[in-house]
Amino acid sequence: MRADALFRLLFILYCVEVGVLLLLLPWGSNWERVAFQLPGPGCRALALSPWSRGALSGFGVVHLVWGVHELTGWFQRRSGAARPAR
């Protein structure tokens, strides 16, 4: 496997992992426990706000779409490279 293909694969895995974490983590039960450990009531209110949770989840969706886009491009390049030249 060439280095550029390895880096592309690692980037795809990064995008999918971060996307899933950012999509699901703000809505889990651990999020509230962590939010209550933040300093100051303003930080806690921001962390518990549905708007900030939704923004983080939206950023996770962006990462997932980016990862899927890179994955489909990677498959297209690999299938195009496998075809013999005419």
N, C-alpha and C. Protein backbone atom coordinates (compact mmCIF):
# COMPACT_ATOMS: atom_id res chain seq x y z
N MET A 1 0.86 -1.17 0.00
CA MET A 1 0.00 0.00 0.00
C MET A 1 0.90 1.23 0.00
N ARG A 2 0.64 2.13 -0.91
CA ARG A 2 1.44 3.35 -0.99
C ARG A 2 1.11 4.28 0.17
N ALA A 3 2.02 5.21 0.41
CA ALA A 3 1.86 6.12 1.55
C ALA A 3 0.63 7.01 1.39
N ASP A 4 0.36 7.50 0.17
CA ASP A 4 -0.81 8.37 -0.01
C ASP A 4 -2.11 7.62 0.22
N ALA A 5 -2.16 6.35 -0.15
CA ALA A 5 -3.36 5.55 0.09
C ALA A 5 -3.53 5.29 1.59
N LEU A 6 -2.41 5.07 2.28
CA LEU A 6 -2.47 4.85 3.73
C LEU A 6 -2.95 6.11 4.45
N PHE A 7 -2.42 7.27 4.07
CA PHE A 7 -2.86 8.52 4.68
C PHE A 7 -4.32 8.81 4.38
N ARG A 8 -4.76 8.51 3.17
CA ARG A 8 -6.16 8.71 2.81
C ARG A 8 -7.06 7.80 3.64
N LEU A 9 -6.66 6.55 3.82
CA LEU A 9 -7.43 5.62 4.64
C LEU A 9 -7.49 6.07 6.09
N LEU A 10 -6.37 6.54 6.62
CA LEU A 10 -6.36 7.05 7.99
C LEU A 10 -7.25 8.28 8.14
N PHE A 11 -7.26 9.13 7.13
CA PHE A 11 -8.14 10.31 7.17
C PHE A 11 -9.61 9.90 7.15
N ILE A 12 -9.94 8.90 6.35
CA ILE A 12 -11.31 8.41 6.29
C ILE A 12 -11.73 7.84 7.65
N LEU A 13 -10.85 7.05 8.27
CA LEU A 13 -11.15 6.49 9.59
C LEU A 13 -11.29 7.60 10.63
N TYR A 14 -10.44 8.62 10.54
CA TYR A 14 -10.54 9.76 11.46
C TYR A 14 -11.90 10.45 11.30
N CYS A 15 -12.29 10.73 10.07
CA CYS A 15 -13.56 11.42 9.83
C CYS A 15 -14.75 10.63 10.35
N VAL A 16 -14.74 9.33 10.13
CA VAL A 16 -15.86 8.50 10.59
C VAL A 16 -15.89 8.43 12.12
N GLU A 17 -14.72 8.24 12.74
CA GLU A 17 -14.68 8.13 14.19
C GLU A 17 -15.09 9.43 14.87
N VAL A 18 -14.54 10.54 14.43
CA VAL A 18 -14.89 11.83 15.02
C VAL A 18 -16.35 12.16 14.74
N GLY A 19 -16.81 11.82 13.54
CA GLY A 19 -18.20 12.09 13.20
C GLY A 19 -19.17 11.35 14.11
N VAL A 20 -18.91 10.08 14.34
CA VAL A 20 -19.79 9.30 15.22
C VAL A 20 -19.73 9.83 16.65
N LEU A 21 -18.52 10.13 17.13
CA LEU A 21 -18.40 10.65 18.50
C LEU A 21 -19.12 11.98 18.67
N LEU A 22 -18.91 12.90 17.72
CA LEU A 22 -19.57 14.21 17.85
C LEU A 22 -21.07 14.12 17.62
N LEU A 23 -21.50 13.14 16.89
CA LEU A 23 -22.94 12.99 16.66
C LEU A 23 -23.64 12.43 17.89
N LEU A 24 -23.02 11.47 18.56
CA LEU A 24 -23.70 10.78 19.66
C LEU A 24 -23.32 11.27 21.06
N LEU A 25 -22.10 11.73 21.25
CA LEU A 25 -21.62 12.07 22.59
C LEU A 25 -22.42 13.17 23.29
N PRO A 26 -22.80 14.25 22.61
CA PRO A 26 -23.54 15.30 23.33
C PRO A 26 -24.91 14.86 23.85
N TRP A 27 -25.44 13.78 23.35
CA TRP A 27 -26.77 13.36 23.77
C TRP A 27 -26.73 12.19 24.75
N GLY A 28 -25.53 11.75 25.13
CA GLY A 28 -25.39 10.64 26.07
C GLY A 28 -25.54 11.09 27.51
N SER A 29 -25.64 10.11 28.40
CA SER A 29 -25.83 10.42 29.82
C SER A 29 -24.55 10.95 30.47
N ASN A 30 -23.40 10.59 29.93
CA ASN A 30 -22.15 11.08 30.49
C ASN A 30 -21.94 12.57 30.24
N TRP A 31 -22.58 13.11 29.23
CA TRP A 31 -22.40 14.51 28.87
C TRP A 31 -22.83 15.43 30.02
N GLU A 32 -23.92 15.10 30.69
CA GLU A 32 -24.40 15.93 31.79
C GLU A 32 -23.45 15.86 32.98
N ARG A 33 -22.91 14.69 33.24
CA ARG A 33 -21.95 14.58 34.35
C ARG A 33 -20.71 15.41 34.08
N VAL A 34 -20.23 15.39 32.87
CA VAL A 34 -19.05 16.18 32.52
C VAL A 34 -19.39 17.66 32.54
N ALA A 35 -20.58 18.02 32.11
CA ALA A 35 -20.98 19.43 32.07
C ALA A 35 -21.04 20.02 33.48
N PHE A 36 -21.42 19.25 34.47
CA PHE A 36 -21.51 19.77 35.83
C PHE A 36 -20.13 19.94 36.46
N GLN A 37 -19.10 19.40 35.84
CA GLN A 37 -17.74 19.59 36.34
C GLN A 37 -17.06 20.80 35.73
N LEU A 38 -17.72 21.45 34.77
CA LEU A 38 -17.14 22.63 34.14
C LEU A 38 -17.16 23.81 35.11
N PRO A 39 -16.17 24.70 35.00
CA PRO A 39 -16.15 25.86 35.91
C PRO A 39 -17.17 26.91 35.49
N GLY A 40 -17.90 27.40 36.42
CA GLY A 40 -18.83 28.49 36.16
C GLY A 40 -20.16 28.05 35.62
N PRO A 41 -21.21 28.76 36.02
CA PRO A 41 -22.55 28.39 35.54
C PRO A 41 -22.76 28.69 34.06
N GLY A 42 -22.03 29.67 33.52
CA GLY A 42 -22.18 29.99 32.10
C GLY A 42 -21.68 28.85 31.21
N CYS A 43 -20.55 28.26 31.58
CA CYS A 43 -20.02 27.12 30.81
C CYS A 43 -20.95 25.92 30.90
N ARG A 44 -21.48 25.69 32.09
CA ARG A 44 -22.42 24.57 32.27
C ARG A 44 -23.68 24.77 31.43
N ALA A 45 -24.21 25.99 31.47
CA ALA A 45 -25.43 26.27 30.70
C ALA A 45 -25.18 26.11 29.20
N LEU A 46 -24.00 26.54 28.75
CA LEU A 46 -23.67 26.40 27.33
C LEU A 46 -23.53 24.93 26.94
N ALA A 47 -22.89 24.15 27.80
CA ALA A 47 -22.69 22.73 27.49
C ALA A 47 -24.01 21.96 27.51
N LEU A 48 -24.94 22.38 28.34
CA LEU A 48 -26.22 21.67 28.44
C LEU A 48 -27.28 22.23 27.49
N SER A 49 -26.96 23.30 26.78
CA SER A 49 -27.92 23.90 25.86
C SER A 49 -28.16 22.99 24.66
N PRO A 50 -29.41 22.81 24.28
CA PRO A 50 -29.69 22.01 23.08
C PRO A 50 -29.07 22.60 21.82
N TRP A 51 -28.89 23.92 21.79
CA TRP A 51 -28.28 24.56 20.63
C TRP A 51 -26.82 24.14 20.47
N SER A 52 -26.08 24.13 21.58
CA SER A 52 -24.67 23.72 21.47
C SER A 52 -24.55 22.22 21.21
N ARG A 53 -25.43 21.45 21.79
CA ARG A 53 -25.43 20.01 21.51
C ARG A 53 -25.74 19.74 20.04
N GLY A 54 -26.70 20.47 19.52
CA GLY A 54 -27.05 20.33 18.11
C GLY A 54 -25.93 20.79 17.18
N ALA A 55 -25.23 21.85 17.58
CA ALA A 55 -24.10 22.33 16.77
C ALA A 55 -22.99 21.28 16.72
N LEU A 56 -22.69 20.66 17.86
CA LEU A 56 -21.68 19.60 17.88
C LEU A 56 -22.12 18.40 17.05
N SER A 57 -23.39 18.05 17.15
CA SER A 57 -23.89 16.93 16.35
C SER A 57 -23.85 17.27 14.87
N GLY A 58 -24.16 18.50 14.52
CA GLY A 58 -24.07 18.92 13.13
C GLY A 58 -22.64 18.86 12.61
N PHE A 59 -21.69 19.24 13.44
CA PHE A 59 -20.29 19.14 13.06
C PHE A 59 -19.90 17.67 12.87
N GLY A 60 -20.48 16.78 13.67
CA GLY A 60 -20.26 15.35 13.49
C GLY A 60 -20.82 14.85 12.17
N VAL A 61 -21.98 15.35 11.79
CA VAL A 61 -22.57 14.96 10.50
C VAL A 61 -21.68 15.44 9.35
N VAL A 62 -21.12 16.64 9.48
CA VAL A 62 -20.21 17.14 8.45
C VAL A 62 -19.01 16.20 8.31
N HIS A 63 -18.46 15.75 9.43
CA HIS A 63 -17.34 14.81 9.38
C HIS A 63 -17.74 13.49 8.74
N LEU A 64 -18.91 13.00 9.05
CA LEU A 64 -19.37 11.74 8.45
C LEU A 64 -19.55 11.88 6.94
N VAL A 65 -20.15 12.96 6.51
CA VAL A 65 -20.35 13.18 5.07
C VAL A 65 -18.99 13.32 4.38
N TRP A 66 -18.06 14.02 5.01
CA TRP A 66 -16.73 14.18 4.45
C TRP A 66 -16.03 12.84 4.32
N GLY A 67 -16.15 12.00 5.36
CA GLY A 67 -15.54 10.67 5.31
C GLY A 67 -16.15 9.80 4.23
N VAL A 68 -17.46 9.84 4.08
CA VAL A 68 -18.13 9.05 3.04
C VAL A 68 -17.73 9.56 1.66
N HIS A 69 -17.61 10.88 1.52
CA HIS A 69 -17.19 11.45 0.24
C HIS A 69 -15.77 10.98 -0.12
N GLU A 70 -14.87 11.01 0.84
CA GLU A 70 -13.50 10.56 0.61
C GLU A 70 -13.47 9.06 0.30
N LEU A 71 -14.31 8.29 0.99
CA LEU A 71 -14.34 6.84 0.77
C LEU A 71 -14.83 6.51 -0.64
N THR A 72 -15.89 7.18 -1.09
CA THR A 72 -16.38 6.91 -2.44
C THR A 72 -15.36 7.34 -3.49
N GLY A 73 -14.68 8.46 -3.24
CA GLY A 73 -13.63 8.88 -4.16
C GLY A 73 -12.47 7.89 -4.19
N TRP A 74 -12.16 7.33 -3.04
CA TRP A 74 -11.07 6.35 -2.96
C TRP A 74 -11.44 5.08 -3.74
N PHE A 75 -12.69 4.63 -3.61
CA PHE A 75 -13.13 3.45 -4.36
C PHE A 75 -13.15 3.73 -5.86
N GLN A 76 -13.58 4.92 -6.25
CA GLN A 76 -13.60 5.26 -7.67
C GLN A 76 -12.20 5.32 -8.26
N ARG A 77 -11.26 5.88 -7.51
CA ARG A 77 -9.89 5.93 -8.00
C ARG A 77 -9.28 4.54 -8.09
N ARG A 78 -9.58 3.69 -7.12
CA ARG A 78 -9.03 2.34 -7.13
C ARG A 78 -9.64 1.50 -8.25
N SER A 79 -10.93 1.67 -8.51
CA SER A 79 -11.55 0.90 -9.60
C SER A 79 -11.08 1.44 -10.94
N GLY A 80 -10.84 2.73 -11.04
CA GLY A 80 -10.33 3.31 -12.28
C GLY A 80 -8.89 2.90 -12.54
N ALA A 81 -8.11 2.71 -11.49
CA ALA A 81 -6.71 2.29 -11.65
C ALA A 81 -6.62 0.81 -12.00
N ALA A 82 -7.65 0.04 -11.66
CA ALA A 82 -7.63 -1.39 -11.94
C ALA A 82 -7.97 -1.70 -13.39
N ARG A 83 -8.62 -0.76 -14.08
CA ARG A 83 -8.98 -0.98 -15.48
C ARG A 83 -7.76 -0.84 -16.37
N PRO A 84 -7.64 -1.70 -17.35
CA PRO A 84 -6.50 -1.58 -18.26
C PRO A 84 -6.66 -0.38 -19.19
N ALA A 85 -5.56 0.22 -19.56
CA ALA A 85 -5.58 1.37 -20.47
C ALA A 85 -5.85 0.89 -21.89
N ARG A 86 -6.57 1.68 -22.66
CA ARG A 86 -6.89 1.31 -24.05
C ARG A 86 -5.95 1.94 -25.01
